[in-house]
Amino acid sequence: MFEKIADPKDVILWQDRIPIRHRYTPGVAGEAFFTALRDRGELLASRCESCQITYCPARLFCERCFAGPLEANVTVGPQGTLVSFSVGTVGVEGEPLEEPVTVGLIRPDGADTVLMHFVVADELEVGMRVEAVLRPEGQRTGSILDIRGFRPAS
């Protein structure tokens, strides 16, 4: 039963579906981040005074030194730097996409960490300046998709 499989062809494949439902809960700091995004159109971060690291989205504790609780009280962005990006042509289920989708890692101004989000631009370059494009006030729901994506900064 616990024998190590050496040849991948020896793996038993069972195809079926597992009916699992889940609910994402953003936690205390995540709730503060999403509320600020929805209500004020701001990117809210938290700063660890021990490490001097500013986390965006806000965190409840420092992931490096475990100091906490941290306060979600620092506004960063809405502009930032494109740190990395990838262009996808295949969906999560393996289906071909009608149009390619670009996802990037953006370091908002004032933050030391990155956000992963859509990037909308014809030509991209690592290090370029980008800015958040928000949904109009009144259409925001408190979701990361309240940011439509990032575009080259004007």
C-alpha atoms as a PDB file:
ATOM      1  CA  MET A   1       0.000   0.000   0.000  1.00  0.00           C
ATOM      2  CA  PHE A   2       2.807   2.428   0.822  1.00  0.00           C
ATOM      3  CA  GLU A   3       5.116   1.142  -1.858  1.00  0.00           C
ATOM      4  CA  LYS A   4       6.924   3.894  -3.744  1.00  0.00           C
ATOM      5  CA  ILE A   5       5.809   4.166  -7.366  1.00  0.00           C
ATOM      6  CA  ALA A   6       8.787   4.381  -9.679  1.00  0.00           C
ATOM      7  CA  ASP A   7       7.021   4.458 -13.031  1.00  0.00           C
ATOM      8  CA  PRO A   8       4.312   7.109 -13.578  1.00  0.00           C
ATOM      9  CA  LYS A   9       2.389   4.583 -15.721  1.00  0.00           C
ATOM     10  CA  ASP A  10       1.786   2.526 -12.572  1.00  0.00           C
ATOM     11  CA  VAL A  11      -0.363   5.239 -10.991  1.00  0.00           C
ATOM     12  CA  ILE A  12      -4.053   4.423 -10.780  1.00  0.00           C
ATOM     13  CA  LEU A  13      -6.145   7.171 -12.313  1.00  0.00           C
ATOM     14  CA  TRP A  14      -9.672   7.688 -11.050  1.00  0.00           C
ATOM     15  CA  GLN A  15     -11.693  10.198 -13.029  1.00  0.00           C
ATOM     16  CA  ASP A  16     -14.709  11.661 -11.298  1.00  0.00           C
ATOM     17  CA  ARG A  17     -15.851  14.842  -9.600  1.00  0.00           C
ATOM     18  CA  ILE A  18     -15.672  15.746  -5.931  1.00  0.00           C
ATOM     19  CA  PRO A  19     -18.553  18.047  -4.954  1.00  0.00           C
ATOM     20  CA  ILE A  20     -16.738  20.522  -2.719  1.00  0.00           C
ATOM     21  CA  ARG A  21     -18.051  23.949  -1.823  1.00  0.00           C
ATOM     22  CA  HIS A  22     -15.996  26.570  -0.072  1.00  0.00           C
ATOM     23  CA  ARG A  23     -16.273  30.136   1.082  1.00  0.00           C
ATOM     24  CA  TYR A  24     -13.279  32.470   1.066  1.00  0.00           C
ATOM     25  CA  THR A  25     -12.887  34.529   4.205  1.00  0.00           C
ATOM     26  CA  PRO A  26     -10.331  37.313   3.918  1.00  0.00           C
ATOM     27  CA  GLY A  27      -9.659  37.623   7.658  1.00  0.00           C
ATOM     28  CA  VAL A  28      -9.342  40.819   9.689  1.00  0.00           C
ATOM     29  CA  ALA A  29      -6.611  42.505   7.612  1.00  0.00           C
ATOM     30  CA  GLY A  30      -8.066  41.310   4.309  1.00  0.00           C
ATOM     31  CA  GLU A  31     -11.473  42.676   5.286  1.00  0.00           C
ATOM     32  CA  ALA A  32      -9.886  46.064   5.996  1.00  0.00           C
ATOM     33  CA  PHE A  33      -8.123  45.929   2.590  1.00  0.00           C
ATOM     34  CA  PHE A  34     -11.322  45.087   0.671  1.00  0.00           C
ATOM     35  CA  THR A  35     -13.422  47.640   2.589  1.00  0.00           C
ATOM     36  CA  ALA A  36     -10.919  50.427   1.828  1.00  0.00           C
ATOM     37  CA  LEU A  37     -10.838  49.356  -1.829  1.00  0.00           C
ATOM     38  CA  ARG A  38     -14.644  49.350  -2.064  1.00  0.00           C
ATOM     39  CA  ASP A  39     -15.405  52.486  -0.041  1.00  0.00           C
ATOM     40  CA  ARG A  40     -12.449  54.763  -0.795  1.00  0.00           C
ATOM     41  CA  GLY A  41     -10.746  53.211  -3.823  1.00  0.00           C
ATOM     42  CA  GLU A  42      -7.527  52.836  -1.808  1.00  0.00           C
ATOM     43  CA  LEU A  43      -4.963  50.055  -1.585  1.00  0.00           C
ATOM     44  CA  LEU A  44      -4.513  49.456   2.134  1.00  0.00           C
ATOM     45  CA  ALA A  45      -1.298  48.030   3.526  1.00  0.00           C
ATOM     46  CA  SER A  46       0.196  47.198   6.902  1.00  0.00           C
ATOM     47  CA  ARG A  47       3.741  47.874   8.057  1.00  0.00           C
ATOM     48  CA  CYS A  48       5.933  45.787  10.322  1.00  0.00           C
ATOM     49  CA  GLU A  49       8.003  48.194  12.385  1.00  0.00           C
ATOM     50  CA  SER A  50      10.404  45.371  13.366  1.00  0.00           C
ATOM     51  CA  CYS A  51      11.284  44.383   9.774  1.00  0.00           C
ATOM     52  CA  GLN A  52      10.415  47.677   8.080  1.00  0.00           C
ATOM     53  CA  ILE A  53       8.341  45.738   5.525  1.00  0.00           C
ATOM     54  CA  THR A  54       5.093  47.155   4.135  1.00  0.00           C
ATOM     55  CA  TYR A  55       2.639  44.449   3.075  1.00  0.00           C
ATOM     56  CA  CYS A  56      -0.001  45.008   0.427  1.00  0.00           C
ATOM     57  CA  PRO A  57      -2.631  43.675   0.706  1.00  0.00           C
ATOM     58  CA  ALA A  58      -2.635  44.331   4.447  1.00  0.00           C
ATOM     59  CA  ARG A  59      -1.589  41.460   6.733  1.00  0.00           C
ATOM     60  CA  LEU A  60      -2.463  40.784  10.367  1.00  0.00           C
ATOM     61  CA  PHE A  61       1.062  39.624  11.224  1.00  0.00           C
ATOM     62  CA  CYS A  62       4.531  39.871   9.695  1.00  0.00           C
ATOM     63  CA  GLU A  63       5.319  36.878   7.527  1.00  0.00           C
ATOM     64  CA  ARG A  64       9.046  37.323   8.126  1.00  0.00           C
ATOM     65  CA  CYS A  65       9.400  37.832  11.873  1.00  0.00           C
ATOM     66  CA  PHE A  66       5.840  36.917  12.965  1.00  0.00           C
ATOM     67  CA  ALA A  67       5.384  40.246  14.777  1.00  0.00           C
ATOM     68  CA  GLY A  68       1.804  41.247  15.224  1.00  0.00           C
ATOM     69  CA  PRO A  69      -0.823  42.213  15.226  1.00  0.00           C
ATOM     70  CA  LEU A  70      -0.067  44.684  12.443  1.00  0.00           C
ATOM     71  CA  GLU A  71      -2.441  47.534  11.708  1.00  0.00           C
ATOM     72  CA  ALA A  72      -3.953  48.003   8.264  1.00  0.00           C
ATOM     73  CA  ASN A  73      -3.362  51.736   8.225  1.00  0.00           C
ATOM     74  CA  VAL A  74      -0.973  52.545   5.363  1.00  0.00           C
ATOM     75  CA  THR A  75      -2.265  53.638   1.953  1.00  0.00           C
ATOM     76  CA  VAL A  76      -0.050  52.629  -0.994  1.00  0.00           C
ATOM     77  CA  GLY A  77      -0.259  53.043  -4.760  1.00  0.00           C
ATOM     78  CA  PRO A  78      -2.364  53.379  -6.867  1.00  0.00           C
ATOM     79  CA  GLN A  79       0.695  53.481  -9.124  1.00  0.00           C
ATOM     80  CA  GLY A  80       3.439  50.917  -8.947  1.00  0.00           C
ATOM     81  CA  THR A  81       6.076  48.955 -10.795  1.00  0.00           C
ATOM     82  CA  LEU A  82       5.515  45.883 -12.934  1.00  0.00           C
ATOM     83  CA  VAL A  83       7.866  43.281 -11.448  1.00  0.00           C
ATOM     84  CA  SER A  84       6.940  40.319 -13.640  1.00  0.00           C
ATOM     85  CA  PHE A  85       4.211  39.191 -16.006  1.00  0.00           C
ATOM     86  CA  SER A  86       2.922  36.195 -17.912  1.00  0.00           C
ATOM     87  CA  VAL A  87       0.613  35.905 -20.902  1.00  0.00           C
ATOM     88  CA  GLY A  88      -1.849  33.025 -20.745  1.00  0.00           C
ATOM     89  CA  THR A  89      -3.597  31.494 -23.737  1.00  0.00           C
ATOM     90  CA  VAL A  90      -5.174  28.522 -21.947  1.00  0.00           C
ATOM     91  CA  GLY A  91      -7.868  28.674 -19.242  1.00  0.00           C
ATOM     92  CA  VAL A  92      -7.819  26.916 -15.880  1.00  0.00           C
ATOM     93  CA  GLU A  93      -9.727  23.952 -17.319  1.00  0.00           C
ATOM     94  CA  GLY A  94      -7.265  23.603 -20.224  1.00  0.00           C
ATOM     95  CA  GLU A  95      -9.572  25.275 -22.734  1.00  0.00           C
ATOM     96  CA  PRO A  96      -8.091  27.705 -25.277  1.00  0.00           C
ATOM     97  CA  LEU A  97      -8.929  31.330 -24.491  1.00  0.00           C
ATOM     98  CA  GLU A  98     -10.504  33.526 -27.160  1.00  0.00           C
ATOM     99  CA  GLU A  99      -8.007  36.281 -26.290  1.00  0.00           C
ATOM    100  CA  PRO A 100      -4.759  36.036 -24.322  1.00  0.00           C
ATOM    101  CA  VAL A 101      -4.869  37.176 -20.680  1.00  0.00           C
ATOM    102  CA  THR A 102      -1.920  38.950 -19.075  1.00  0.00           C
ATOM    103  CA  VAL A 103      -1.327  38.611 -15.357  1.00  0.00           C
ATOM    104  CA  GLY A 104       1.398  40.590 -13.638  1.00  0.00           C
ATOM    105  CA  LEU A 105       3.072  41.072 -10.296  1.00  0.00           C
ATOM    106  CA  ILE A 106       2.803  44.733  -9.357  1.00  0.00           C
ATOM    107  CA  ARG A 107       4.664  46.370  -6.463  1.00  0.00           C
ATOM    108  CA  PRO A 108       2.490  49.334  -5.461  1.00  0.00           C
ATOM    109  CA  ASP A 109       4.373  52.528  -4.585  1.00  0.00           C
ATOM    110  CA  GLY A 110       5.111  52.445  -0.864  1.00  0.00           C
ATOM    111  CA  ALA A 111       4.831  48.642  -0.575  1.00  0.00           C
ATOM    112  CA  ASP A 112       7.550  46.006  -0.375  1.00  0.00           C
ATOM    113  CA  THR A 113       5.360  43.129  -1.544  1.00  0.00           C
ATOM    114  CA  VAL A 114       3.506  42.536  -4.791  1.00  0.00           C
ATOM    115  CA  LEU A 115      -0.096  42.140  -5.929  1.00  0.00           C
ATOM    116  CA  MET A 116      -0.964  39.678  -8.662  1.00  0.00           C
ATOM    117  CA  HIS A 117      -3.536  41.073 -11.046  1.00  0.00           C
ATOM    118  CA  PHE A 118      -4.504  41.561 -14.676  1.00  0.00           C
ATOM    119  CA  VAL A 119      -2.373  43.901 -16.772  1.00  0.00           C
ATOM    120  CA  VAL A 120      -3.875  45.607 -19.792  1.00  0.00           C
ATOM    121  CA  ALA A 121      -1.343  46.928 -22.286  1.00  0.00           C
ATOM    122  CA  ASP A 122      -0.184  46.212 -25.808  1.00  0.00           C
ATOM    123  CA  GLU A 123       3.488  46.219 -24.882  1.00  0.00           C
ATOM    124  CA  LEU A 124       4.867  45.341 -21.467  1.00  0.00           C
ATOM    125  CA  GLU A 125       8.307  45.556 -19.952  1.00  0.00           C
ATOM    126  CA  VAL A 126       9.477  44.530 -16.508  1.00  0.00           C
ATOM    127  CA  GLY A 127      10.160  47.682 -14.516  1.00  0.00           C
ATOM    128  CA  MET A 128       7.546  49.784 -16.284  1.00  0.00           C
ATOM    129  CA  ARG A 129       5.271  52.075 -14.296  1.00  0.00           C
ATOM    130  CA  VAL A 130       1.633  51.008 -14.050  1.00  0.00           C
ATOM    131  CA  GLU A 131      -1.499  52.285 -12.346  1.00  0.00           C
ATOM    132  CA  ALA A 132      -4.613  50.619 -10.985  1.00  0.00           C
ATOM    133  CA  VAL A 133      -7.838  50.954 -12.940  1.00  0.00           C
ATOM    134  CA  LEU A 134     -10.730  50.802 -10.465  1.00  0.00           C
ATOM    135  CA  ARG A 135     -14.375  50.067 -11.041  1.00  0.00           C
ATOM    136  CA  PRO A 136     -16.485  53.215 -10.650  1.00  0.00           C
ATOM    137  CA  GLU A 137     -17.636  54.107  -7.158  1.00  0.00           C
ATOM    138  CA  GLY A 138     -21.007  52.480  -6.549  1.00  0.00           C
ATOM    139  CA  GLN A 139     -20.064  49.439  -8.658  1.00  0.00           C
ATOM    140  CA  ARG A 140     -17.421  48.174  -6.232  1.00  0.00           C
ATOM    141  CA  THR A 141     -18.329  45.154  -4.125  1.00  0.00           C
ATOM    142  CA  GLY A 142     -15.335  44.683  -1.818  1.00  0.00           C
ATOM    143  CA  SER A 143     -13.541  42.205  -4.098  1.00  0.00           C
ATOM    144  CA  ILE A 144     -10.082  42.159  -5.654  1.00  0.00           C
ATOM    145  CA  LEU A 145     -11.967  42.567  -8.942  1.00  0.00           C
ATOM    146  CA  ASP A 146     -12.842  46.104  -7.830  1.00  0.00           C
ATOM    147  CA  ILE A 147      -9.470  46.647  -9.474  1.00  0.00           C
ATOM    148  CA  ARG A 148     -10.188  46.009 -13.161  1.00  0.00           C
ATOM    149  CA  GLY A 149      -6.472  45.658 -13.788  1.00  0.00           C
ATOM    150  CA  PHE A 150      -3.328  47.703 -14.176  1.00  0.00           C
ATOM    151  CA  ARG A 151      -2.373  49.780 -17.213  1.00  0.00           C
ATOM    152  CA  PRO A 152       0.720  51.782 -18.117  1.00  0.00           C
ATOM    153  CA  ALA A 153       0.883  54.893 -15.914  1.00  0.00           C
ATOM    154  CA  SER A 154       0.101  58.152 -17.653  1.00  0.00           C
END
